[in-house]
Protein backbone atom coordinates (compact mmCIF):
# COMPACT_ATOMS: atom_id res chain seq x y z
CA MET A 1 21.64 71.53 31.84
CA GLN A 2 20.65 73.58 34.85
CA ASP A 3 23.45 74.59 37.53
CA THR A 4 20.30 75.36 39.76
CA ASN A 5 19.08 71.91 41.19
CA PRO A 6 16.37 70.95 43.74
CA ILE A 7 17.47 67.32 44.26
CA PRO A 8 18.68 66.39 47.60
CA TRP A 9 22.57 66.23 47.72
CA LYS A 10 22.27 62.35 48.99
CA HIS A 11 20.35 61.36 46.13
CA LYS A 12 22.87 62.73 43.56
CA ALA A 13 25.58 61.23 45.63
CA LEU A 14 24.20 57.75 45.52
CA PHE A 15 23.50 57.95 41.60
CA TRP A 16 27.34 58.86 41.31
CA MET A 17 28.29 55.55 43.47
CA ILE A 18 25.96 54.01 41.45
CA LEU A 19 27.09 55.16 37.84
CA ALA A 20 30.72 54.10 39.13
CA ALA A 21 29.95 50.98 40.49
CA PHE A 22 28.33 49.93 37.21
CA SER A 23 30.86 51.46 34.89
CA THR A 24 33.38 49.40 37.02
CA PHE A 25 31.28 46.31 36.65
CA PHE A 26 30.74 46.47 33.06
CA ALA A 27 34.11 47.18 32.10
CA GLU A 28 36.41 45.17 34.88
CA VAL A 29 34.16 42.35 35.80
CA PHE A 30 32.78 41.38 32.28
CA SER A 31 36.26 41.46 31.10
CA GLY A 32 37.63 38.93 34.29
CA ALA A 33 40.34 41.94 34.93
CA ASP A 34 39.40 42.32 38.22
CA MET A 35 36.45 40.09 39.11
CA PHE A 36 36.18 41.43 42.55
CA PRO A 37 36.43 45.25 42.31
CA PHE A 38 34.26 45.92 45.36
CA PHE A 39 36.14 43.67 47.80
CA HIS A 40 39.55 44.47 48.02
CA ALA A 41 41.32 48.07 48.70
CA TRP A 42 42.37 49.13 45.24
CA GLY A 43 39.35 48.23 44.15
CA LEU A 44 37.41 50.72 46.09
CA LEU A 45 40.18 53.28 46.59
CA VAL A 46 41.34 53.39 43.08
CA VAL A 47 39.26 51.40 40.35
CA VAL A 48 35.77 52.49 41.28
CA PRO A 49 36.65 56.16 41.33
CA LEU A 50 38.56 55.95 38.51
CA TYR A 51 35.75 54.56 36.49
CA GLY A 52 33.16 57.04 38.40
CA LEU A 53 34.84 60.23 37.91
CA HIS A 54 35.59 59.23 34.31
CA ILE A 55 31.89 58.58 33.74
CA LEU A 56 30.32 61.47 35.68
CA VAL A 57 32.78 64.02 33.79
CA LEU A 58 32.29 63.01 29.74
CA ALA A 59 28.35 62.02 30.81
CA HIS A 60 28.10 65.80 31.82
CA LEU A 61 29.85 66.74 28.45
CA VAL A 62 27.44 64.33 26.36
CA TYR A 63 24.43 66.23 27.96
CA LEU A 64 25.52 69.34 27.32
CA THR A 65 22.96 69.11 24.41
CA PRO A 66 19.41 68.96 25.08
CA ARG A 67 19.27 65.09 24.24
CA PRO A 68 23.01 62.96 23.97
CA ARG A 69 23.48 62.37 20.60
CA PHE A 70 25.28 58.97 19.49
CA PRO A 71 28.42 60.44 18.30
CA SER A 72 28.87 62.34 21.00
CA LEU A 73 28.71 59.18 23.12
CA ILE A 74 31.60 57.60 20.76
CA PHE A 75 33.80 60.49 21.16
CA ALA A 76 33.52 60.87 24.83
CA GLY A 77 33.61 56.92 25.47
CA MET A 78 36.89 56.92 23.22
CA LEU A 79 38.38 59.80 25.80
CA PHE A 80 37.23 57.68 28.73
CA GLY A 81 39.11 54.50 26.81
CA LEU A 82 42.46 56.53 26.46
CA TYR A 83 43.15 56.63 30.13
CA GLU A 84 44.60 53.05 29.30
CA ALA A 85 47.66 55.44 28.18
CA TYR A 86 48.88 57.55 30.83
CA LEU A 87 47.04 55.94 33.74
CA THR A 88 47.80 51.99 33.24
CA LYS A 89 50.30 52.06 30.48
CA VAL A 90 48.63 49.19 28.52
CA LEU A 91 48.34 50.85 25.38
CA TRP A 92 51.95 51.40 25.28
CA GLU A 93 53.34 48.07 26.70
CA PRO A 94 50.40 45.72 27.78
CA PRO A 95 51.21 43.17 30.79
CA TRP A 96 50.33 40.13 28.42
CA GLY A 97 52.64 41.67 25.70
CA ALA A 98 51.67 43.04 22.78
CA ALA A 99 51.62 40.91 19.18
CA LEU A 100 52.54 44.13 17.54
CA ILE A 101 54.22 47.61 18.72
CA ILE A 102 54.09 50.44 15.85
CA GLY A 103 55.48 53.31 16.88
CA GLY A 104 55.80 53.05 20.55
CA VAL A 105 51.89 51.86 20.27
CA ALA A 106 50.23 48.78 20.75
CA PRO A 107 47.42 49.20 17.83
CA ILE A 108 45.27 46.04 18.59
CA GLU A 109 45.10 46.97 22.04
CA THR A 110 44.44 50.68 21.36
CA LEU A 111 41.64 49.64 19.01
CA VAL A 112 40.20 47.41 21.73
CA LEU A 113 40.20 49.34 24.63
CA VAL A 114 39.78 52.79 23.36
CA LEU A 115 36.98 52.35 20.56
CA TRP A 116 35.43 49.18 21.91
CA TRP A 117 35.63 48.12 25.37
CA HIS A 118 35.77 51.37 27.31
CA ALA A 119 33.76 53.39 24.97
CA TRP A 120 30.75 50.64 25.00
CA PHE A 121 31.10 48.88 28.28
CA SER A 122 32.45 51.79 30.53
CA PHE A 123 30.44 54.34 29.19
CA ILE A 124 27.68 53.98 26.76
CA ILE A 125 26.00 50.66 28.34
CA PRO A 126 26.58 51.67 32.00
CA LEU A 127 24.96 54.97 31.24
CA LEU A 128 21.76 53.15 29.15
CA ILE A 129 21.31 50.81 32.15
CA ALA A 130 21.16 53.83 35.16
CA GLU A 131 18.80 55.44 32.52
CA LYS A 132 16.34 52.79 32.61
CA LEU A 133 16.53 51.80 35.79
CA PHE A 134 16.83 54.94 37.85
CA THR A 135 15.33 58.07 35.51
CA ARG A 136 12.20 58.92 33.63
CA SER A 137 14.73 59.82 30.79
CA ARG A 138 14.69 57.68 27.56
CA ALA A 139 16.96 60.05 25.48
CA LEU A 140 20.32 58.31 25.34
CA GLY A 141 18.42 54.63 24.68
CA GLN A 142 16.86 57.00 21.62
CA SER A 143 20.10 58.28 20.57
CA LEU A 144 21.32 54.80 19.54
CA PRO A 145 21.07 53.86 15.82
CA GLY A 146 19.54 51.23 14.06
CA ALA A 147 19.75 47.64 14.93
CA VAL A 148 22.42 48.36 17.86
CA GLY A 149 19.43 50.78 19.48
CA ARG A 150 16.44 48.13 18.88
CA LEU A 151 19.04 45.24 20.68
CA LEU A 152 20.21 47.05 23.72
CA ASN A 153 16.66 48.70 24.41
CA SER A 154 15.01 44.85 24.23
CA ARG A 155 14.92 42.68 27.10
CA ARG A 156 16.73 40.29 24.53
CA GLY A 157 19.28 42.37 24.08
CA LEU A 158 20.06 43.11 27.49
CA VAL A 159 19.87 39.27 28.11
CA GLY A 160 22.46 38.50 25.16
CA LEU A 161 24.57 41.02 26.73
CA VAL A 162 24.99 39.36 29.86
CA ILE A 163 25.37 36.29 28.28
CA PHE A 164 28.57 37.86 26.55
CA GLY A 165 30.00 39.43 29.51
CA GLY A 166 29.87 36.09 31.32
CA VAL A 167 31.26 33.96 28.88
CA PHE A 168 33.89 36.88 27.90
CA GLN A 169 34.78 36.52 31.95
CA SER A 170 35.06 33.13 31.76
CA ILE A 171 37.80 33.50 29.06
CA ASN A 172 40.18 35.01 31.82
CA SER A 173 39.46 33.32 34.97
CA PRO A 174 41.20 31.12 37.00
CA SER A 175 38.30 28.73 37.84
CA ALA A 176 34.36 28.06 37.81
CA ASP A 177 34.43 28.57 41.45
CA GLN A 178 36.03 32.21 41.23
CA SER A 179 33.44 32.51 38.28
CA LEU A 180 30.37 31.76 40.42
CA LEU A 181 31.89 33.60 43.39
CA SER A 182 32.62 36.85 41.43
CA GLY A 183 29.11 36.52 39.60
CA LEU A 184 27.42 36.41 42.74
CA SER A 185 29.23 38.56 44.77
CA THR A 186 29.18 41.51 42.38
CA THR A 187 26.04 41.15 41.24
CA ALA A 188 24.97 41.22 44.78
CA VAL A 189 26.25 44.73 45.23
CA LEU A 190 24.70 46.25 42.36
CA LEU A 191 21.23 44.82 43.57
CA GLY A 192 21.91 45.84 46.70
CA LEU A 193 22.49 49.45 45.55
CA VAL A 194 19.50 49.54 43.45
CA LEU A 195 17.48 48.69 46.75
CA VAL A 196 18.95 51.62 48.58
CA TRP A 197 18.39 53.86 45.90
CA GLN A 198 14.50 52.54 46.01
CA ARG A 199 14.41 53.37 49.74
CA VAL A 200 16.67 56.28 49.60
CA THR A 201 14.60 58.54 46.84
CA ARG A 202 11.21 56.57 47.81
CA ASP A 203 9.47 56.39 44.33
CA ARG A 204 11.12 60.06 43.63
CA THR A 205 11.78 60.21 39.53
CA TYR A 206 14.44 62.13 37.92
CA THR A 207 15.69 63.53 34.40
CA MET A 208 19.35 62.06 33.88
CA PRO A 209 20.54 65.47 33.52
CA GLU A 210 19.10 66.57 36.72
CA LEU A 211 21.24 63.69 38.44
CA LEU A 212 24.27 64.52 36.53
CA PRO A 213 26.82 67.07 37.82
CA ASP A 214 26.02 70.87 36.98
CA LYS A 215 28.57 73.17 35.59
CA LYS A 216 30.02 73.84 39.05
CA GLU A 217 29.98 70.45 40.61
CA PHE A 218 31.81 69.22 36.92
CA ARG A 219 34.76 71.73 37.87
CA LEU A 220 35.10 70.45 41.09
CA LEU A 221 34.90 66.62 40.03
CA LEU A 222 37.93 67.89 37.40
CA ILE A 223 40.39 68.48 40.28
CA PRO A 224 40.34 64.61 41.56
CA THR A 225 40.37 63.08 37.95
CA ALA A 226 43.81 65.51 37.49
CA LEU A 227 44.95 64.73 40.73
CA LEU A 228 44.80 60.91 39.58
CA TYR A 229 46.27 61.17 36.24
CA LEU A 230 49.11 62.98 37.64
CA ILE A 231 49.49 60.34 40.76
CA MET A 232 49.15 57.12 38.57
CA GLY A 233 50.83 58.53 35.60
CA VAL A 234 53.97 58.86 37.88
CA VAL A 235 53.63 56.09 40.15
CA MET A 236 52.39 53.40 38.15
CA ARG A 237 54.72 51.76 35.91
CA PRO A 238 56.45 54.46 34.80
CA GLU A 239 59.17 52.38 32.92
CA ALA A 240 56.13 51.53 30.44
CA VAL A 241 56.43 55.01 29.30
CA PRO A 242 57.81 55.04 25.22
CA GLY A 243 59.55 58.34 23.91
CA LEU A 244 57.94 61.09 21.87
CA VAL A 245 57.07 59.06 19.02
CA GLY A 246 54.37 56.68 21.33
CA GLN A 247 53.53 60.03 23.47
CA GLY A 248 52.81 61.81 20.14
CA LEU A 249 50.58 58.90 18.60
CA ILE A 250 48.50 59.19 22.10
CA TRP A 251 48.27 62.98 21.70
CA LEU A 252 46.97 62.74 18.32
CA LEU A 253 44.17 60.25 19.56
CA TYR A 254 43.29 62.71 22.32
CA ALA A 255 43.41 65.68 19.88
CA LEU A 256 41.15 63.62 17.46
CA SER A 257 38.77 62.59 20.12
CA PHE A 258 38.71 66.05 22.04
CA PHE A 259 37.72 67.65 17.91
CA LEU A 260 35.14 65.54 17.24
CA LEU A 261 33.50 65.60 20.27
CA TRP A 262 33.65 69.66 20.23
CA GLN A 263 31.72 68.87 16.86
CA SER A 264 29.31 66.64 17.77
CA LEU A 265 28.29 69.18 20.36
CA LYS A 266 28.09 72.06 17.93
CA PRO A 267 24.02 73.05 17.20
CA GLY A 268 24.26 72.15 13.59
CA SER A 269 25.28 68.77 14.07
CA LYS A 270 22.73 66.16 13.59
CA PRO A 271 22.26 63.62 15.81
CA GLN A 272 20.49 61.16 13.81
CA ASN A 273 19.37 60.33 10.23
CA GLY A 274 15.77 58.73 10.12
CA PRO A 275 13.35 57.60 12.04
CA ARG A 276 14.07 57.47 16.30
CA THR A 277 14.91 54.30 17.49
CA PRO A 278 11.84 52.28 19.19
CA VAL A 279 12.81 52.23 23.04
CA SER A 280 11.18 49.85 25.45
CA GLU A 281 8.97 50.88 28.23
CA LYS A 282 11.21 50.81 31.72
CA PHE A 283 11.60 47.15 32.28
CA PRO A 284 9.66 45.72 35.40
CA ASP A 285 12.06 44.98 38.83
CA GLY A 286 11.84 41.57 38.27
CA PHE A 287 14.09 41.50 35.09
CA TRP A 288 16.80 43.03 36.45
CA LEU A 289 16.83 39.95 38.85
CA VAL A 290 16.70 38.09 36.08
CA LEU A 291 19.90 39.38 34.82
CA ALA A 292 22.01 39.26 38.00
CA GLY A 293 21.00 35.83 38.09
CA VAL A 294 21.87 35.12 34.29
CA PHE A 295 25.39 36.62 34.66
CA PRO A 296 27.00 34.24 36.80
CA LEU A 297 25.21 31.12 35.12
CA ALA A 298 26.89 32.55 31.86
CA ALA A 299 30.60 32.60 33.61
CA VAL A 300 30.50 29.45 35.04
CA SER A 301 29.04 27.72 32.00
CA GLY A 302 31.82 29.14 29.67
CA GLU A 303 34.36 28.25 32.18
CA LEU A 304 33.11 24.68 32.27
CA LEU A 305 32.22 24.37 28.66
CA LEU A 306 33.96 26.65 26.77
CA ALA A 307 37.51 26.23 28.39
CA PRO A 308 39.35 24.42 25.04
CA VAL A 309 38.43 27.24 23.01
CA ALA A 310 38.79 29.94 25.22
CA GLU A 311 41.76 31.36 23.22
CA PRO A 312 39.87 31.53 19.57
CA LEU A 313 37.11 32.68 21.66
CA ALA A 314 39.11 35.47 23.07
CA LEU A 315 40.43 36.44 19.31
CA ALA A 316 37.21 36.19 17.83
CA SER A 317 35.52 38.62 20.45
CA TRP A 318 38.51 40.62 20.48
CA PHE A 319 38.16 41.45 16.52
CA GLY A 320 34.75 40.98 16.36
CA GLY A 321 34.61 43.90 19.02
CA ILE A 322 36.98 45.95 16.57
CA LEU A 323 34.95 45.78 13.25
CA PHE A 324 31.89 46.27 15.39
CA SER A 325 33.34 49.57 17.25
CA LEU A 326 35.03 50.81 13.38
CA ILE A 327 31.49 50.44 12.24
CA MET A 328 30.21 52.61 14.79
CA PHE A 329 32.92 54.85 14.97
CA ALA A 330 32.23 55.83 11.06
CA ARG A 331 28.64 55.72 11.66
CA ALA A 332 29.11 58.63 14.23
CA VAL A 333 31.69 60.35 12.50
CA GLN A 334 29.03 60.35 9.26
CA LEU A 335 26.59 61.68 11.55
CA THR A 336 28.69 64.65 13.11
CA PHE A 337 29.66 66.12 9.47
CA GLN A 338 26.11 65.52 7.63
CA LYS A 339 24.43 68.51 7.15
CA PRO A 340 20.97 68.50 9.00
CA SER A 341 18.08 68.53 6.25
CA PRO A 342 16.46 71.84 5.82
CA SER A 343 12.96 70.30 6.04
CA LYS A 344 13.72 68.39 9.20
CA LYS A 345 14.52 69.78 12.59
CA GLU A 346 15.80 67.75 15.73
CA ASN A 347 13.11 66.99 18.06
CA TYR A 348 14.06 67.20 21.61
CA ALA A 349 11.06 65.62 23.23
């Protein structure tokens, strides 16, 4: 990633704002944790900056290699999810009450939030959508392996993803009216940002590395990120911070995630085994309008039709997400430590 960049600053700043909004939408609105994050002070002053700072800082690290690698995306996503320890304290004491606590840590919530939800919905998926919508890059989409890559790079897969998000939100939604209002208002914000981007950039195209923070900007972003951890760590639910054992387990997870990310970024690390994932061309603009319409419909339908099975559906989603994320984590570890074949070289095109 080059430090000198001819891109107008307002273009980069707008892209950073869009990334923050996308990460917030897929993490908070999909989950129903905050159905209107763009419409209240806490959301605009804390939630959106929290997601924005994390995705920008960690995406910079992932793009230190000539093209992003699937293991790096997984391990950076895990670091993203670990904010649920010192910032929200959810990994130690979930507000909804954990069914199981081991050593001061809630293992089920940790697996769900760190390995699955934040790794994919806060980090990988927003970056993938942003790559397709706003850049001429396709490397991130190409890094996703096998059936997962083929699905997320297809229209059918993205429609399925949005339907899942709507249904998942309906589990935590208080009413169908709230689901409809949330879906229409939040997707309207995202579509508005897309239109602003098109108007401001006037069809200029960039690569993802050009739009992400350079080294100097990365260092500057570390300052508000550190302040966020310091302030929220002290102010938000301080009584939920456990003793040394509980904190030590989180430190071990941080150490493991940093170690694996560092290993995955080393020049000798092999990003993918076998042929590259087929990647579709950039989707037409109308397709994104379809996705924006599908989400509120799925959320309302889930609220009206699936309310009687909401609890088992939530459990199935959680444990399905844990199984999926463990398989993806194992694949990422395998690729990180797999020795590259001497007859094959990495293609950075």
